[in-house]
N, C-alpha and C. Protein backbone atom coordinates (compact mmCIF):
# COMPACT_ATOMS: atom_id res chain seq x y z
N GLY A 1 44.75 114.38 71.02
CA GLY A 1 45.06 113.00 71.04
C GLY A 1 46.55 112.77 71.00
N LYS A 2 46.91 111.53 71.12
CA LYS A 2 48.31 111.12 71.16
C LYS A 2 48.76 110.77 69.72
N GLN A 3 50.06 110.90 69.50
CA GLN A 3 50.66 110.58 68.22
C GLN A 3 51.69 109.46 68.45
N ASN A 4 51.66 108.43 67.63
CA ASN A 4 52.63 107.36 67.76
C ASN A 4 53.89 107.71 66.99
N ILE A 5 55.01 107.56 67.70
CA ILE A 5 56.32 107.80 67.10
C ILE A 5 57.23 106.62 67.48
N THR A 6 58.32 106.48 66.72
CA THR A 6 59.31 105.51 67.04
C THR A 6 60.65 106.22 67.16
N LEU A 7 61.30 106.01 68.31
CA LEU A 7 62.64 106.58 68.48
C LEU A 7 63.65 105.44 68.44
N LYS A 8 64.80 105.69 67.79
CA LYS A 8 65.88 104.67 67.71
C LYS A 8 66.96 105.13 68.66
N ILE A 9 67.10 104.36 69.74
CA ILE A 9 68.10 104.66 70.78
C ILE A 9 69.14 103.57 70.78
N VAL A 10 70.38 103.93 70.45
CA VAL A 10 71.51 102.99 70.39
C VAL A 10 71.11 101.75 69.59
N GLY A 11 70.49 102.02 68.41
CA GLY A 11 70.17 100.93 67.49
C GLY A 11 68.91 100.17 67.75
N LYS A 12 68.19 100.48 68.77
CA LYS A 12 66.95 99.77 69.09
C LYS A 12 65.76 100.73 68.97
N ASP A 13 64.68 100.26 68.37
CA ASP A 13 63.50 101.05 68.19
C ASP A 13 62.58 101.03 69.40
N TYR A 14 62.08 102.16 69.80
CA TYR A 14 61.14 102.29 70.93
C TYR A 14 59.92 103.07 70.42
N SER A 15 58.78 102.40 70.41
CA SER A 15 57.55 103.05 69.98
C SER A 15 56.82 103.62 71.18
N MET A 16 56.24 104.80 71.00
CA MET A 16 55.52 105.40 72.13
C MET A 16 54.47 106.38 71.57
N ALA A 17 53.45 106.61 72.40
CA ALA A 17 52.42 107.57 72.09
C ALA A 17 52.70 108.82 72.88
N ILE A 18 52.81 109.98 72.18
CA ILE A 18 53.16 111.23 72.82
C ILE A 18 52.20 112.33 72.38
N ASP A 19 52.27 113.39 73.08
CA ASP A 19 51.59 114.66 72.68
C ASP A 19 52.28 115.16 71.43
N PRO A 20 51.53 115.36 70.31
CA PRO A 20 52.19 115.79 69.09
C PRO A 20 53.00 117.09 69.23
N ALA A 21 52.62 117.93 70.14
CA ALA A 21 53.36 119.21 70.34
C ALA A 21 54.75 118.94 70.91
N LYS A 22 55.00 117.76 71.43
CA LYS A 22 56.28 117.49 72.06
C LYS A 22 57.21 116.63 71.19
N GLU A 23 56.81 116.37 69.97
CA GLU A 23 57.63 115.49 69.11
C GLU A 23 59.04 116.05 68.90
N GLU A 24 59.15 117.31 68.70
CA GLU A 24 60.50 117.90 68.47
C GLU A 24 61.40 117.66 69.69
N ILE A 25 60.84 117.79 70.88
CA ILE A 25 61.60 117.55 72.10
C ILE A 25 62.10 116.13 72.15
N TYR A 26 61.21 115.19 71.83
CA TYR A 26 61.60 113.80 71.84
C TYR A 26 62.69 113.50 70.81
N ARG A 27 62.53 114.08 69.62
CA ARG A 27 63.52 113.85 68.57
C ARG A 27 64.89 114.42 68.96
N LEU A 28 64.90 115.60 69.58
CA LEU A 28 66.16 116.19 70.06
C LEU A 28 66.78 115.34 71.14
N ALA A 29 65.94 114.87 72.05
CA ALA A 29 66.46 114.00 73.12
C ALA A 29 67.03 112.70 72.56
N GLU A 30 66.36 112.14 71.56
CA GLU A 30 66.85 110.93 70.89
C GLU A 30 68.27 111.16 70.34
N ARG A 31 68.43 112.27 69.64
CA ARG A 31 69.75 112.60 69.05
C ARG A 31 70.81 112.80 70.14
N MET A 32 70.39 113.45 71.25
CA MET A 32 71.33 113.71 72.33
C MET A 32 71.78 112.42 73.01
N VAL A 33 70.86 111.55 73.30
CA VAL A 33 71.20 110.26 73.94
C VAL A 33 72.15 109.47 73.01
N ASN A 34 71.83 109.41 71.70
CA ASN A 34 72.65 108.68 70.77
C ASN A 34 74.04 109.30 70.62
N ALA A 35 74.07 110.62 70.70
CA ALA A 35 75.39 111.31 70.58
C ALA A 35 76.25 111.00 71.77
N TYR A 36 75.70 111.05 72.98
CA TYR A 36 76.46 110.75 74.18
C TYR A 36 76.92 109.30 74.17
N ALA A 37 76.01 108.40 73.83
CA ALA A 37 76.34 106.95 73.78
C ALA A 37 77.44 106.71 72.76
N GLY A 38 77.34 107.39 71.62
CA GLY A 38 78.36 107.26 70.56
C GLY A 38 79.71 107.72 71.01
N LYS A 39 79.75 108.82 71.79
CA LYS A 39 81.05 109.33 72.32
C LYS A 39 81.65 108.31 73.25
N PHE A 40 80.85 107.72 74.11
CA PHE A 40 81.39 106.68 75.03
C PHE A 40 81.86 105.46 74.25
N GLU A 41 81.09 105.07 73.21
CA GLU A 41 81.47 103.94 72.41
C GLU A 41 82.78 104.19 71.66
N GLN A 42 82.95 105.42 71.14
CA GLN A 42 84.20 105.78 70.42
C GLN A 42 85.39 105.81 71.34
N ALA A 43 85.13 106.03 72.63
CA ALA A 43 86.23 106.03 73.59
C ALA A 43 86.87 104.66 73.76
N GLY A 44 86.18 103.62 73.26
CA GLY A 44 86.72 102.28 73.24
C GLY A 44 86.96 101.67 74.58
N ILE A 45 85.96 101.82 75.47
CA ILE A 45 86.11 101.30 76.83
C ILE A 45 86.01 99.75 76.72
N GLU A 46 87.11 99.07 77.01
CA GLU A 46 87.20 97.64 76.80
C GLU A 46 86.19 96.90 77.66
N GLY A 47 85.53 95.91 77.08
CA GLY A 47 84.60 95.08 77.83
C GLY A 47 83.23 95.71 78.00
N SER A 48 82.99 96.83 77.32
CA SER A 48 81.72 97.53 77.49
C SER A 48 80.75 97.12 76.39
N SER A 49 79.46 97.11 76.75
CA SER A 49 78.40 96.77 75.81
C SER A 49 77.65 98.05 75.43
N ARG A 50 76.72 97.92 74.48
CA ARG A 50 75.85 99.04 74.14
C ARG A 50 75.07 99.49 75.35
N GLN A 51 74.66 98.56 76.15
CA GLN A 51 73.90 98.86 77.41
C GLN A 51 74.76 99.74 78.33
N ASP A 52 76.05 99.42 78.40
CA ASP A 52 76.93 100.23 79.23
C ASP A 52 77.03 101.64 78.67
N PHE A 53 77.14 101.79 77.37
CA PHE A 53 77.23 103.12 76.73
C PHE A 53 75.93 103.87 76.96
N LEU A 54 74.77 103.19 76.89
CA LEU A 54 73.52 103.85 77.14
C LEU A 54 73.38 104.29 78.61
N ALA A 55 73.86 103.42 79.50
CA ALA A 55 73.85 103.80 80.95
C ALA A 55 74.70 105.01 81.17
N LEU A 56 75.89 105.08 80.58
CA LEU A 56 76.78 106.23 80.77
C LEU A 56 76.12 107.48 80.17
N ALA A 57 75.47 107.35 79.04
CA ALA A 57 74.75 108.51 78.43
C ALA A 57 73.64 108.96 79.34
N ALA A 58 72.87 108.02 79.90
CA ALA A 58 71.82 108.42 80.82
C ALA A 58 72.37 109.13 82.02
N LEU A 59 73.49 108.63 82.55
CA LEU A 59 74.10 109.25 83.72
C LEU A 59 74.53 110.70 83.36
N GLN A 60 75.17 110.87 82.23
CA GLN A 60 75.60 112.18 81.78
C GLN A 60 74.40 113.16 81.65
N LEU A 61 73.33 112.67 81.07
CA LEU A 61 72.16 113.57 80.92
C LEU A 61 71.50 113.83 82.26
N ALA A 62 71.49 112.86 83.14
CA ALA A 62 70.91 113.08 84.49
C ALA A 62 71.75 114.11 85.23
N ILE A 63 73.06 114.01 85.14
CA ILE A 63 73.94 115.02 85.79
C ILE A 63 73.65 116.40 85.26
N SER A 64 73.52 116.52 83.95
CA SER A 64 73.16 117.82 83.33
C SER A 64 71.82 118.34 83.83
N ASN A 65 70.86 117.43 83.93
CA ASN A 65 69.53 117.81 84.39
C ASN A 65 69.54 118.30 85.83
N VAL A 66 70.29 117.59 86.69
CA VAL A 66 70.40 117.99 88.11
C VAL A 66 71.11 119.34 88.19
N ALA A 67 72.16 119.50 87.48
CA ALA A 67 72.92 120.77 87.51
C ALA A 67 72.04 121.91 87.04
N MET A 68 71.28 121.70 85.98
CA MET A 68 70.39 122.73 85.50
C MET A 68 69.29 123.03 86.50
N SER A 69 68.74 121.99 87.11
CA SER A 69 67.67 122.20 88.11
C SER A 69 68.16 123.00 89.30
N GLN A 70 69.39 122.76 89.68
CA GLN A 70 69.95 123.45 90.82
C GLN A 70 70.29 124.91 90.50
N SER A 71 70.53 125.18 89.22
CA SER A 71 70.96 126.55 88.86
C SER A 71 69.76 127.46 88.54
N ARG A 72 68.55 126.88 88.48
CA ARG A 72 67.35 127.70 88.18
C ARG A 72 66.40 127.66 89.34
N GLU A 73 65.44 128.56 89.27
CA GLU A 73 64.40 128.59 90.32
C GLU A 73 63.57 127.31 90.21
N VAL A 74 63.06 126.86 91.35
CA VAL A 74 62.34 125.62 91.42
C VAL A 74 61.07 125.70 90.60
N GLY A 75 60.35 126.73 90.47
CA GLY A 75 59.08 126.76 89.75
C GLY A 75 59.25 127.00 88.23
N ASN A 76 60.42 127.00 87.72
CA ASN A 76 60.70 127.33 86.31
C ASN A 76 60.01 126.37 85.38
N ASP A 77 59.37 126.93 84.34
CA ASP A 77 58.65 126.10 83.34
C ASP A 77 59.54 125.12 82.62
N ASP A 78 60.78 125.50 82.30
CA ASP A 78 61.73 124.55 81.64
C ASP A 78 61.98 123.32 82.52
N VAL A 79 62.23 123.55 83.79
CA VAL A 79 62.49 122.44 84.71
C VAL A 79 61.27 121.55 84.81
N LYS A 80 60.11 122.14 84.89
CA LYS A 80 58.86 121.37 84.93
C LYS A 80 58.69 120.51 83.67
N ALA A 81 59.02 121.11 82.50
CA ALA A 81 58.89 120.36 81.26
C ALA A 81 59.89 119.18 81.21
N LEU A 82 61.12 119.40 81.63
CA LEU A 82 62.11 118.33 81.67
C LEU A 82 61.67 117.23 82.66
N ASN A 83 61.17 117.63 83.77
CA ASN A 83 60.72 116.66 84.75
C ASN A 83 59.53 115.81 84.20
N ALA A 84 58.64 116.45 83.47
CA ALA A 84 57.54 115.74 82.85
C ALA A 84 58.02 114.74 81.81
N ILE A 85 59.01 115.14 81.00
CA ILE A 85 59.58 114.22 80.02
C ILE A 85 60.27 113.09 80.73
N ARG A 86 61.01 113.39 81.77
CA ARG A 86 61.68 112.33 82.56
C ARG A 86 60.69 111.33 83.07
N ASP A 87 59.56 111.84 83.62
CA ASP A 87 58.56 110.98 84.16
C ASP A 87 57.93 110.10 83.06
N GLU A 88 57.71 110.64 81.88
CA GLU A 88 57.17 109.88 80.76
C GLU A 88 58.13 108.74 80.36
N VAL A 89 59.41 109.08 80.28
CA VAL A 89 60.40 108.07 79.91
C VAL A 89 60.49 106.96 80.98
N GLU A 90 60.45 107.39 82.27
CA GLU A 90 60.53 106.42 83.36
C GLU A 90 59.30 105.46 83.32
N ASP A 91 58.11 106.02 83.06
CA ASP A 91 56.90 105.24 82.92
C ASP A 91 57.03 104.22 81.80
N TYR A 92 57.58 104.71 80.66
CA TYR A 92 57.73 103.79 79.52
C TYR A 92 58.71 102.69 79.84
N LEU A 93 59.84 103.04 80.44
CA LEU A 93 60.83 101.99 80.79
C LEU A 93 60.27 101.02 81.81
N ASN A 94 59.48 101.50 82.73
CA ASN A 94 58.89 100.61 83.73
C ASN A 94 57.92 99.61 83.06
N LYS A 95 57.26 100.05 81.99
CA LYS A 95 56.35 99.16 81.28
C LYS A 95 57.14 98.05 80.53
N LEU A 96 58.40 98.35 80.16
CA LEU A 96 59.20 97.40 79.44
C LEU A 96 59.83 96.37 80.38
N ASP A 97 59.77 96.62 81.68
CA ASP A 97 60.39 95.72 82.69
C ASP A 97 61.88 95.54 82.45
N ILE A 98 62.55 96.67 82.22
CA ILE A 98 64.02 96.63 82.01
C ILE A 98 64.72 96.56 83.35
């Protein structure tokens, strides 16, 4: 079955139902997104909002994902797992109508 968790991304809570075996991955991703967004926020980009910092963090993580995907074989289990997580996050965001 699914497990309900809440992730706090840039100060906002996001509840979701996930496979319990993947909780650690979600928690690590939560910390990574917040760390990137925090670095952009600390850079003090004038006129930027939390949404801008989150967008920049998402871009940085997407760039890393693409670079990793290109550096590994296409059938690699790690790439498949990252793509599955990406798809889950995209589905969740689509449900929020952001």
